Amino acid sequence: MTAVGEPILEVKGLNAGYGAVDVLRDVSFDVRAGEIVVVLGANGAGKTTTLRAVSGMIGGSGSVVIDGQEMLGKNPAEIVRRGVAHVPQGRGTFPELSVLDNLLVGAYIRKDAKAVQSDIDRWFELFPRLAERRSQLAGSLSGGE
């Protein structure tokens, strides 16, 4: 567990891309507990590539440390167990599952059922329209929902 004030995510000198095309060169940032960090940039600036590299979806060089453990080059499932996942923009749901089942899929590796339910209750409180649609198939939601 990371000490108070220490970064929970540290990215240093991250380089990544696709094939022979380098998209990221020497990207560095950190995230501390309680912070909200935003990655902004024009189309093609490397926002998605950064997130894919941090979450292990693509390879890279440099360093990605989560709670003191080097994660660059690790399997995405291992990185998810550390609490970091890439949720792509758009219709990133399982359309044939209910809204509630989609949320439960996101908690698949968690063993703390009471805490999972508490988190789901919190999201339904923040997004009451989603709570109203908890039994609805996710594929039938509108884009904004």
N, C-alpha and C. Protein backbone atom coordinates (compact mmCIF):
# COMPACT_ATOMS: atom_id res chain seq x y z
N MET A 1 0.84 -1.17 0.00
CA MET A 1 0.00 0.00 0.00
C MET A 1 0.89 1.24 0.00
N THR A 2 0.52 2.21 -0.78
CA THR A 2 1.31 3.44 -0.91
C THR A 2 1.04 4.36 0.27
N ALA A 3 2.09 4.99 0.78
CA ALA A 3 1.96 5.93 1.89
C ALA A 3 1.21 7.18 1.43
N VAL A 4 0.60 7.86 2.41
CA VAL A 4 -0.13 9.09 2.11
C VAL A 4 0.80 10.08 1.44
N GLY A 5 0.35 10.69 0.37
CA GLY A 5 1.15 11.67 -0.36
C GLY A 5 2.02 11.07 -1.45
N GLU A 6 2.23 9.76 -1.40
CA GLU A 6 3.00 9.09 -2.44
C GLU A 6 2.10 8.84 -3.65
N PRO A 7 2.68 8.85 -4.84
CA PRO A 7 1.87 8.56 -6.03
C PRO A 7 1.34 7.12 -6.00
N ILE A 8 0.09 6.96 -6.43
CA ILE A 8 -0.45 5.61 -6.58
C ILE A 8 -0.19 5.11 -8.01
N LEU A 9 0.04 6.06 -8.92
CA LEU A 9 0.43 5.74 -10.29
C LEU A 9 1.53 6.69 -10.70
N GLU A 10 2.67 6.13 -11.14
CA GLU A 10 3.79 6.93 -11.63
C GLU A 10 4.15 6.45 -13.03
N VAL A 11 4.11 7.37 -13.97
CA VAL A 11 4.51 7.07 -15.34
C VAL A 11 5.74 7.92 -15.62
N LYS A 12 6.83 7.27 -16.01
CA LYS A 12 8.09 7.99 -16.24
C LYS A 12 8.69 7.56 -17.57
N GLY A 13 8.97 8.53 -18.42
CA GLY A 13 9.68 8.27 -19.67
C GLY A 13 8.99 7.25 -20.55
N LEU A 14 7.66 7.28 -20.57
CA LEU A 14 6.90 6.29 -21.34
C LEU A 14 7.01 6.56 -22.83
N ASN A 15 7.38 5.52 -23.56
CA ASN A 15 7.44 5.54 -25.02
C ASN A 15 6.59 4.38 -25.51
N ALA A 16 5.73 4.64 -26.48
CA ALA A 16 4.87 3.57 -27.01
C ALA A 16 4.37 3.98 -28.39
N GLY A 17 3.88 3.00 -29.11
CA GLY A 17 3.34 3.27 -30.44
C GLY A 17 2.82 1.99 -31.05
N TYR A 18 2.67 2.02 -32.35
CA TYR A 18 2.10 0.90 -33.08
C TYR A 18 3.05 0.55 -34.22
N GLY A 19 3.68 -0.63 -34.13
CA GLY A 19 4.65 -1.02 -35.15
C GLY A 19 5.83 -0.07 -35.14
N ALA A 20 6.18 0.45 -36.32
CA ALA A 20 7.32 1.35 -36.44
C ALA A 20 6.98 2.80 -36.10
N VAL A 21 5.71 3.06 -35.79
CA VAL A 21 5.26 4.43 -35.53
C VAL A 21 5.29 4.72 -34.04
N ASP A 22 6.19 5.62 -33.63
CA ASP A 22 6.24 6.09 -32.25
C ASP A 22 5.17 7.15 -32.05
N VAL A 23 4.30 6.93 -31.09
CA VAL A 23 3.24 7.90 -30.79
C VAL A 23 3.60 8.68 -29.53
N LEU A 24 4.14 7.98 -28.54
CA LEU A 24 4.53 8.62 -27.28
C LEU A 24 6.04 8.65 -27.16
N ARG A 25 6.54 9.79 -26.72
CA ARG A 25 7.97 9.92 -26.48
C ARG A 25 8.18 10.62 -25.15
N ASP A 26 8.70 9.87 -24.19
CA ASP A 26 9.12 10.42 -22.90
C ASP A 26 7.96 11.08 -22.12
N VAL A 27 6.82 10.40 -22.05
CA VAL A 27 5.67 10.91 -21.31
C VAL A 27 5.84 10.58 -19.83
N SER A 28 5.63 11.56 -18.97
CA SER A 28 5.75 11.36 -17.52
C SER A 28 4.63 12.10 -16.81
N PHE A 29 4.04 11.45 -15.82
CA PHE A 29 3.05 12.07 -14.94
C PHE A 29 2.84 11.15 -13.75
N ASP A 30 2.22 11.67 -12.70
CA ASP A 30 1.85 10.81 -11.58
C ASP A 30 0.47 11.19 -11.08
N VAL A 31 -0.12 10.26 -10.36
CA VAL A 31 -1.46 10.45 -9.79
C VAL A 31 -1.37 10.06 -8.32
N ARG A 32 -1.86 10.94 -7.47
CA ARG A 32 -1.86 10.67 -6.03
C ARG A 32 -3.29 10.39 -5.57
N ALA A 33 -3.42 9.71 -4.46
CA ALA A 33 -4.74 9.37 -3.92
C ALA A 33 -5.60 10.62 -3.82
N GLY A 34 -6.83 10.51 -4.26
CA GLY A 34 -7.78 11.62 -4.17
C GLY A 34 -7.71 12.61 -5.31
N GLU A 35 -6.71 12.50 -6.16
CA GLU A 35 -6.58 13.41 -7.30
C GLU A 35 -7.44 12.96 -8.47
N ILE A 36 -7.85 13.91 -9.25
CA ILE A 36 -8.47 13.64 -10.54
C ILE A 36 -7.52 14.21 -11.58
N VAL A 37 -7.05 13.34 -12.46
CA VAL A 37 -6.09 13.75 -13.48
C VAL A 37 -6.75 13.60 -14.84
N VAL A 38 -6.57 14.61 -15.67
CA VAL A 38 -7.19 14.62 -16.99
C VAL A 38 -6.09 14.66 -18.05
N VAL A 39 -6.27 13.87 -19.10
CA VAL A 39 -5.34 13.88 -20.23
C VAL A 39 -6.07 14.58 -21.37
N LEU A 40 -5.57 15.73 -21.77
CA LEU A 40 -6.19 16.52 -22.84
C LEU A 40 -5.26 16.62 -24.03
N GLY A 41 -5.85 16.72 -25.21
CA GLY A 41 -5.05 16.91 -26.40
C GLY A 41 -5.90 16.78 -27.65
N ALA A 42 -5.35 17.23 -28.73
CA ALA A 42 -6.05 17.16 -30.01
C ALA A 42 -6.14 15.71 -30.48
N ASN A 43 -6.99 15.47 -31.47
CA ASN A 43 -7.06 14.15 -32.09
C ASN A 43 -5.66 13.76 -32.56
N GLY A 44 -5.28 12.53 -32.26
CA GLY A 44 -3.97 12.04 -32.71
C GLY A 44 -2.81 12.44 -31.82
N ALA A 45 -3.09 13.08 -30.68
CA ALA A 45 -2.00 13.55 -29.81
C ALA A 45 -1.42 12.46 -28.92
N GLY A 46 -2.12 11.31 -28.80
CA GLY A 46 -1.58 10.21 -28.01
C GLY A 46 -2.32 9.92 -26.71
N LYS A 47 -3.50 10.50 -26.53
CA LYS A 47 -4.25 10.27 -25.28
C LYS A 47 -4.60 8.78 -25.12
N THR A 48 -5.21 8.21 -26.12
CA THR A 48 -5.61 6.80 -26.05
C THR A 48 -4.39 5.90 -25.99
N THR A 49 -3.35 6.21 -26.72
CA THR A 49 -2.13 5.41 -26.69
C THR A 49 -1.53 5.43 -25.28
N THR A 50 -1.56 6.57 -24.63
CA THR A 50 -1.07 6.67 -23.25
C THR A 50 -1.85 5.72 -22.34
N LEU A 51 -3.17 5.78 -22.43
CA LEU A 51 -4.00 4.93 -21.58
C LEU A 51 -3.82 3.45 -21.90
N ARG A 52 -3.68 3.13 -23.17
CA ARG A 52 -3.46 1.74 -23.56
C ARG A 52 -2.12 1.22 -23.03
N ALA A 53 -1.10 2.04 -23.09
CA ALA A 53 0.21 1.63 -22.59
C ALA A 53 0.19 1.47 -21.07
N VAL A 54 -0.43 2.39 -20.37
CA VAL A 54 -0.51 2.30 -18.91
C VAL A 54 -1.30 1.06 -18.48
N SER A 55 -2.35 0.73 -19.21
CA SER A 55 -3.19 -0.41 -18.83
C SER A 55 -2.70 -1.74 -19.40
N GLY A 56 -1.57 -1.73 -20.11
CA GLY A 56 -0.98 -2.96 -20.61
C GLY A 56 -1.57 -3.49 -21.90
N MET A 57 -2.37 -2.68 -22.56
CA MET A 57 -2.99 -3.14 -23.81
C MET A 57 -2.02 -3.09 -24.98
N ILE A 58 -1.00 -2.24 -24.88
CA ILE A 58 0.08 -2.20 -25.88
C ILE A 58 1.40 -2.13 -25.12
N GLY A 59 2.45 -2.54 -25.79
CA GLY A 59 3.77 -2.51 -25.17
C GLY A 59 4.39 -1.12 -25.21
N GLY A 60 5.46 -0.97 -24.51
CA GLY A 60 6.17 0.30 -24.50
C GLY A 60 7.46 0.16 -23.72
N SER A 61 8.13 1.29 -23.54
CA SER A 61 9.33 1.32 -22.71
C SER A 61 9.20 2.49 -21.76
N GLY A 62 10.03 2.48 -20.76
CA GLY A 62 9.94 3.48 -19.70
C GLY A 62 9.50 2.79 -18.43
N SER A 63 8.63 3.44 -17.67
CA SER A 63 8.21 2.88 -16.39
C SER A 63 6.76 3.25 -16.10
N VAL A 64 5.99 2.26 -15.67
CA VAL A 64 4.62 2.46 -15.18
C VAL A 64 4.56 1.74 -13.84
N VAL A 65 4.48 2.52 -12.75
CA VAL A 65 4.50 1.96 -11.41
C VAL A 65 3.14 2.22 -10.76
N ILE A 66 2.52 1.14 -10.27
CA ILE A 66 1.24 1.23 -9.58
C ILE A 66 1.47 0.74 -8.16
N ASP A 67 1.19 1.61 -7.19
CA ASP A 67 1.40 1.28 -5.77
C ASP A 67 2.77 0.66 -5.52
N GLY A 68 3.79 1.25 -6.12
CA GLY A 68 5.16 0.82 -5.88
C GLY A 68 5.62 -0.37 -6.69
N GLN A 69 4.77 -0.94 -7.54
CA GLN A 69 5.12 -2.11 -8.33
C GLN A 69 5.23 -1.76 -9.81
N GLU A 70 6.35 -2.10 -10.43
CA GLU A 70 6.52 -1.87 -11.87
C GLU A 70 5.54 -2.75 -12.63
N MET A 71 4.78 -2.14 -13.54
CA MET A 71 3.74 -2.87 -14.27
C MET A 71 3.95 -2.87 -15.77
N LEU A 72 4.88 -2.08 -16.29
CA LEU A 72 5.09 -2.05 -17.73
C LEU A 72 5.48 -3.43 -18.23
N GLY A 73 4.79 -3.90 -19.24
CA GLY A 73 5.04 -5.22 -19.78
C GLY A 73 4.23 -6.32 -19.13
N LYS A 74 3.47 -5.99 -18.10
CA LYS A 74 2.63 -6.99 -17.43
C LYS A 74 1.35 -7.20 -18.23
N ASN A 75 0.71 -8.31 -17.98
CA ASN A 75 -0.56 -8.65 -18.59
C ASN A 75 -1.64 -7.68 -18.12
N PRO A 76 -2.54 -7.23 -19.01
CA PRO A 76 -3.60 -6.31 -18.58
C PRO A 76 -4.42 -6.82 -17.40
N ALA A 77 -4.64 -8.13 -17.31
CA ALA A 77 -5.41 -8.68 -16.18
C ALA A 77 -4.70 -8.41 -14.85
N GLU A 78 -3.38 -8.50 -14.85
CA GLU A 78 -2.61 -8.22 -13.65
C GLU A 78 -2.71 -6.74 -13.27
N ILE A 79 -2.72 -5.89 -14.27
CA ILE A 79 -2.84 -4.44 -14.03
C ILE A 79 -4.23 -4.11 -13.51
N VAL A 80 -5.25 -4.78 -14.02
CA VAL A 80 -6.62 -4.58 -13.52
C VAL A 80 -6.70 -4.96 -12.05
N ARG A 81 -6.04 -6.05 -11.66
CA ARG A 81 -6.04 -6.46 -10.25
C ARG A 81 -5.43 -5.40 -9.36
N ARG A 82 -4.59 -4.57 -9.93
CA ARG A 82 -3.97 -3.46 -9.19
C ARG A 82 -4.88 -2.22 -9.17
N GLY A 83 -6.00 -2.29 -9.89
CA GLY A 83 -6.97 -1.19 -9.83
C GLY A 83 -6.93 -0.24 -11.00
N VAL A 84 -6.20 -0.57 -12.06
CA VAL A 84 -6.11 0.31 -13.23
C VAL A 84 -6.67 -0.44 -14.44
N ALA A 85 -7.61 0.19 -15.13
CA ALA A 85 -8.20 -0.41 -16.32
C ALA A 85 -8.50 0.68 -17.33
N HIS A 86 -8.49 0.31 -18.58
CA HIS A 86 -8.84 1.23 -19.67
C HIS A 86 -10.29 0.98 -20.04
N VAL A 87 -11.10 2.00 -19.94
CA VAL A 87 -12.50 1.92 -20.36
C VAL A 87 -12.63 2.80 -21.58
N PRO A 88 -12.72 2.20 -22.78
CA PRO A 88 -12.73 3.01 -23.99
C PRO A 88 -13.99 3.86 -24.13
N GLN A 89 -13.82 4.95 -24.82
CA GLN A 89 -14.94 5.84 -25.11
C GLN A 89 -15.91 5.14 -26.04
N GLY A 90 -17.14 5.48 -25.94
CA GLY A 90 -18.13 4.94 -26.86
C GLY A 90 -18.98 3.87 -26.22
N ARG A 91 -19.51 3.01 -27.03
CA ARG A 91 -20.43 1.97 -26.58
C ARG A 91 -19.65 0.80 -25.99
N GLY A 92 -18.98 1.04 -24.88
CA GLY A 92 -18.14 0.03 -24.26
C GLY A 92 -18.89 -0.84 -23.27
N THR A 93 -20.09 -1.25 -23.60
CA THR A 93 -20.85 -2.13 -22.73
C THR A 93 -21.02 -3.49 -23.40
N PHE A 94 -21.47 -4.45 -22.61
CA PHE A 94 -21.89 -5.73 -23.15
C PHE A 94 -23.38 -5.60 -23.42
N PRO A 95 -23.77 -5.39 -24.68
CA PRO A 95 -25.15 -5.02 -25.00
C PRO A 95 -26.19 -6.06 -24.61
N GLU A 96 -25.79 -7.33 -24.55
CA GLU A 96 -26.76 -8.38 -24.24
C GLU A 96 -26.94 -8.58 -22.74
N LEU A 97 -26.16 -7.85 -21.93
CA LEU A 97 -26.29 -7.91 -20.47
C LEU A 97 -27.04 -6.69 -19.96
N SER A 98 -27.64 -6.83 -18.79
CA SER A 98 -28.34 -5.70 -18.18
C SER A 98 -27.32 -4.65 -17.71
N VAL A 99 -27.83 -3.48 -17.38
CA VAL A 99 -26.98 -2.42 -16.83
C VAL A 99 -26.29 -2.93 -15.57
N LEU A 100 -27.05 -3.56 -14.68
CA LEU A 100 -26.48 -4.08 -13.44
C LEU A 100 -25.42 -5.15 -13.73
N ASP A 101 -25.70 -6.05 -14.64
CA ASP A 101 -24.72 -7.09 -14.97
C ASP A 101 -23.44 -6.49 -15.55
N ASN A 102 -23.55 -5.42 -16.32
CA ASN A 102 -22.36 -4.74 -16.84
C ASN A 102 -21.51 -4.21 -15.70
N LEU A 103 -22.15 -3.64 -14.69
CA LEU A 103 -21.40 -3.14 -13.54
C LEU A 103 -20.75 -4.29 -12.77
N LEU A 104 -21.46 -5.39 -12.65
CA LEU A 104 -20.90 -6.55 -11.95
C LEU A 104 -19.72 -7.15 -12.70
N VAL A 105 -19.76 -7.12 -14.02
CA VAL A 105 -18.62 -7.60 -14.82
C VAL A 105 -17.39 -6.76 -14.48
N GLY A 106 -17.59 -5.47 -14.29
CA GLY A 106 -16.48 -4.59 -13.94
C GLY A 106 -15.86 -4.91 -12.59
N ALA A 107 -16.61 -5.61 -11.75
CA ALA A 107 -16.12 -5.97 -10.42
C ALA A 107 -15.75 -7.45 -10.34
N TYR A 108 -15.58 -8.09 -11.48
CA TYR A 108 -15.39 -9.53 -11.55
C TYR A 108 -14.28 -10.06 -10.66
N ILE A 109 -13.16 -9.37 -10.60
CA ILE A 109 -12.03 -9.90 -9.83
C ILE A 109 -12.11 -9.57 -8.34
N ARG A 110 -13.08 -8.76 -7.97
CA ARG A 110 -13.20 -8.37 -6.56
C ARG A 110 -13.87 -9.48 -5.75
N LYS A 111 -13.44 -9.66 -4.54
CA LYS A 111 -13.99 -10.70 -3.66
C LYS A 111 -14.83 -10.10 -2.52
N ASP A 112 -14.86 -8.78 -2.43
CA ASP A 112 -15.55 -8.08 -1.34
C ASP A 112 -16.97 -7.70 -1.75
N ALA A 113 -17.90 -8.66 -1.67
CA ALA A 113 -19.26 -8.48 -2.18
C ALA A 113 -19.96 -7.26 -1.58
N LYS A 114 -19.78 -7.02 -0.30
CA LYS A 114 -20.44 -5.87 0.35
C LYS A 114 -19.90 -4.56 -0.21
N ALA A 115 -18.59 -4.49 -0.42
CA ALA A 115 -18.00 -3.27 -0.96
C ALA A 115 -18.41 -3.07 -2.42
N VAL A 116 -18.52 -4.16 -3.17
CA VAL A 116 -18.98 -4.06 -4.56
C VAL A 116 -20.40 -3.49 -4.58
N GLN A 117 -21.27 -4.03 -3.73
CA GLN A 117 -22.64 -3.53 -3.68
C GLN A 117 -22.68 -2.07 -3.26
N SER A 118 -21.83 -1.69 -2.33
CA SER A 118 -21.75 -0.29 -1.90
C SER A 118 -21.33 0.61 -3.06
N ASP A 119 -20.36 0.15 -3.85
CA ASP A 119 -19.92 0.93 -5.01
C ASP A 119 -21.02 1.05 -6.04
N ILE A 120 -21.73 -0.04 -6.30
CA ILE A 120 -22.84 0.00 -7.26
C ILE A 120 -23.93 0.95 -6.78
N ASP A 121 -24.25 0.89 -5.49
CA ASP A 121 -25.25 1.81 -4.92
C ASP A 121 -24.81 3.26 -5.10
N ARG A 122 -23.53 3.51 -4.89
CA ARG A 122 -22.99 4.87 -5.05
C ARG A 122 -23.15 5.36 -6.49
N TRP A 123 -22.82 4.50 -7.48
CA TRP A 123 -22.95 4.90 -8.88
C TRP A 123 -24.40 5.12 -9.25
N PHE A 124 -25.29 4.29 -8.73
CA PHE A 124 -26.71 4.49 -9.01
C PHE A 124 -27.22 5.78 -8.36
N GLU A 125 -26.65 6.15 -7.24
CA GLU A 125 -27.01 7.42 -6.60
C GLU A 125 -26.52 8.60 -7.44
N LEU A 126 -25.30 8.49 -7.95
CA LEU A 126 -24.74 9.55 -8.80
C LEU A 126 -25.45 9.65 -10.14
N PHE A 127 -25.91 8.51 -10.66
CA PHE A 127 -26.57 8.45 -11.96
C PHE A 127 -27.94 7.80 -11.81
N PRO A 128 -28.93 8.56 -11.29
CA PRO A 128 -30.24 7.97 -11.01
C PRO A 128 -30.93 7.39 -12.24
N ARG A 129 -30.70 7.95 -13.41
CA ARG A 129 -31.32 7.41 -14.63
C ARG A 129 -30.80 5.99 -14.89
N LEU A 130 -29.54 5.77 -14.61
CA LEU A 130 -28.96 4.44 -14.76
C LEU A 130 -29.60 3.47 -13.75
N ALA A 131 -29.85 3.96 -12.55
CA ALA A 131 -30.50 3.12 -11.53
C ALA A 131 -31.89 2.70 -12.00
N GLU A 132 -32.61 3.62 -12.63
CA GLU A 132 -33.94 3.30 -13.14
C GLU A 132 -33.87 2.22 -14.21
N ARG A 133 -32.74 2.12 -14.88
CA ARG A 133 -32.59 1.18 -15.99
C ARG A 133 -31.73 -0.03 -15.62
N ARG A 134 -31.56 -0.29 -14.35
CA ARG A 134 -30.66 -1.36 -13.89
C ARG A 134 -30.96 -2.72 -14.51
N SER A 135 -32.23 -3.00 -14.82
CA SER A 135 -32.60 -4.30 -15.40
C SER A 135 -32.67 -4.29 -16.92
N GLN A 136 -32.54 -3.09 -17.50
CA GLN A 136 -32.63 -2.93 -18.95
C GLN A 136 -31.35 -3.44 -19.63
N LEU A 137 -31.48 -4.01 -20.82
CA LEU A 137 -30.30 -4.42 -21.56
C LEU A 137 -29.46 -3.21 -21.90
N ALA A 138 -28.17 -3.30 -21.67
CA ALA A 138 -27.28 -2.17 -21.91
C ALA A 138 -27.29 -1.74 -23.38
N GLY A 139 -27.51 -2.68 -24.29
CA GLY A 139 -27.53 -2.36 -25.71
C GLY A 139 -28.69 -1.49 -26.11
N SER A 140 -29.69 -1.36 -25.26
CA SER A 140 -30.86 -0.54 -25.59
C SER A 140 -30.77 0.86 -24.99
N LEU A 141 -29.66 1.17 -24.28
CA LEU A 141 -29.49 2.51 -23.73
C LEU A 141 -29.14 3.49 -24.84
N SER A 142 -29.48 4.75 -24.61
CA SER A 142 -29.06 5.77 -25.56
C SER A 142 -27.58 6.06 -25.34
N GLY A 143 -26.96 6.77 -26.29
CA GLY A 143 -25.54 7.09 -26.16
C GLY A 143 -25.21 7.83 -24.89
N GLY A 144 -26.07 8.75 -24.48
CA GLY A 144 -25.81 9.54 -23.26
C GLY A 144 -26.03 8.76 -21.99
N GLU A 145 -26.78 7.67 -22.08
CA GLU A 145 -27.03 6.88 -20.88
C GLU A 145 -25.90 5.89 -20.65
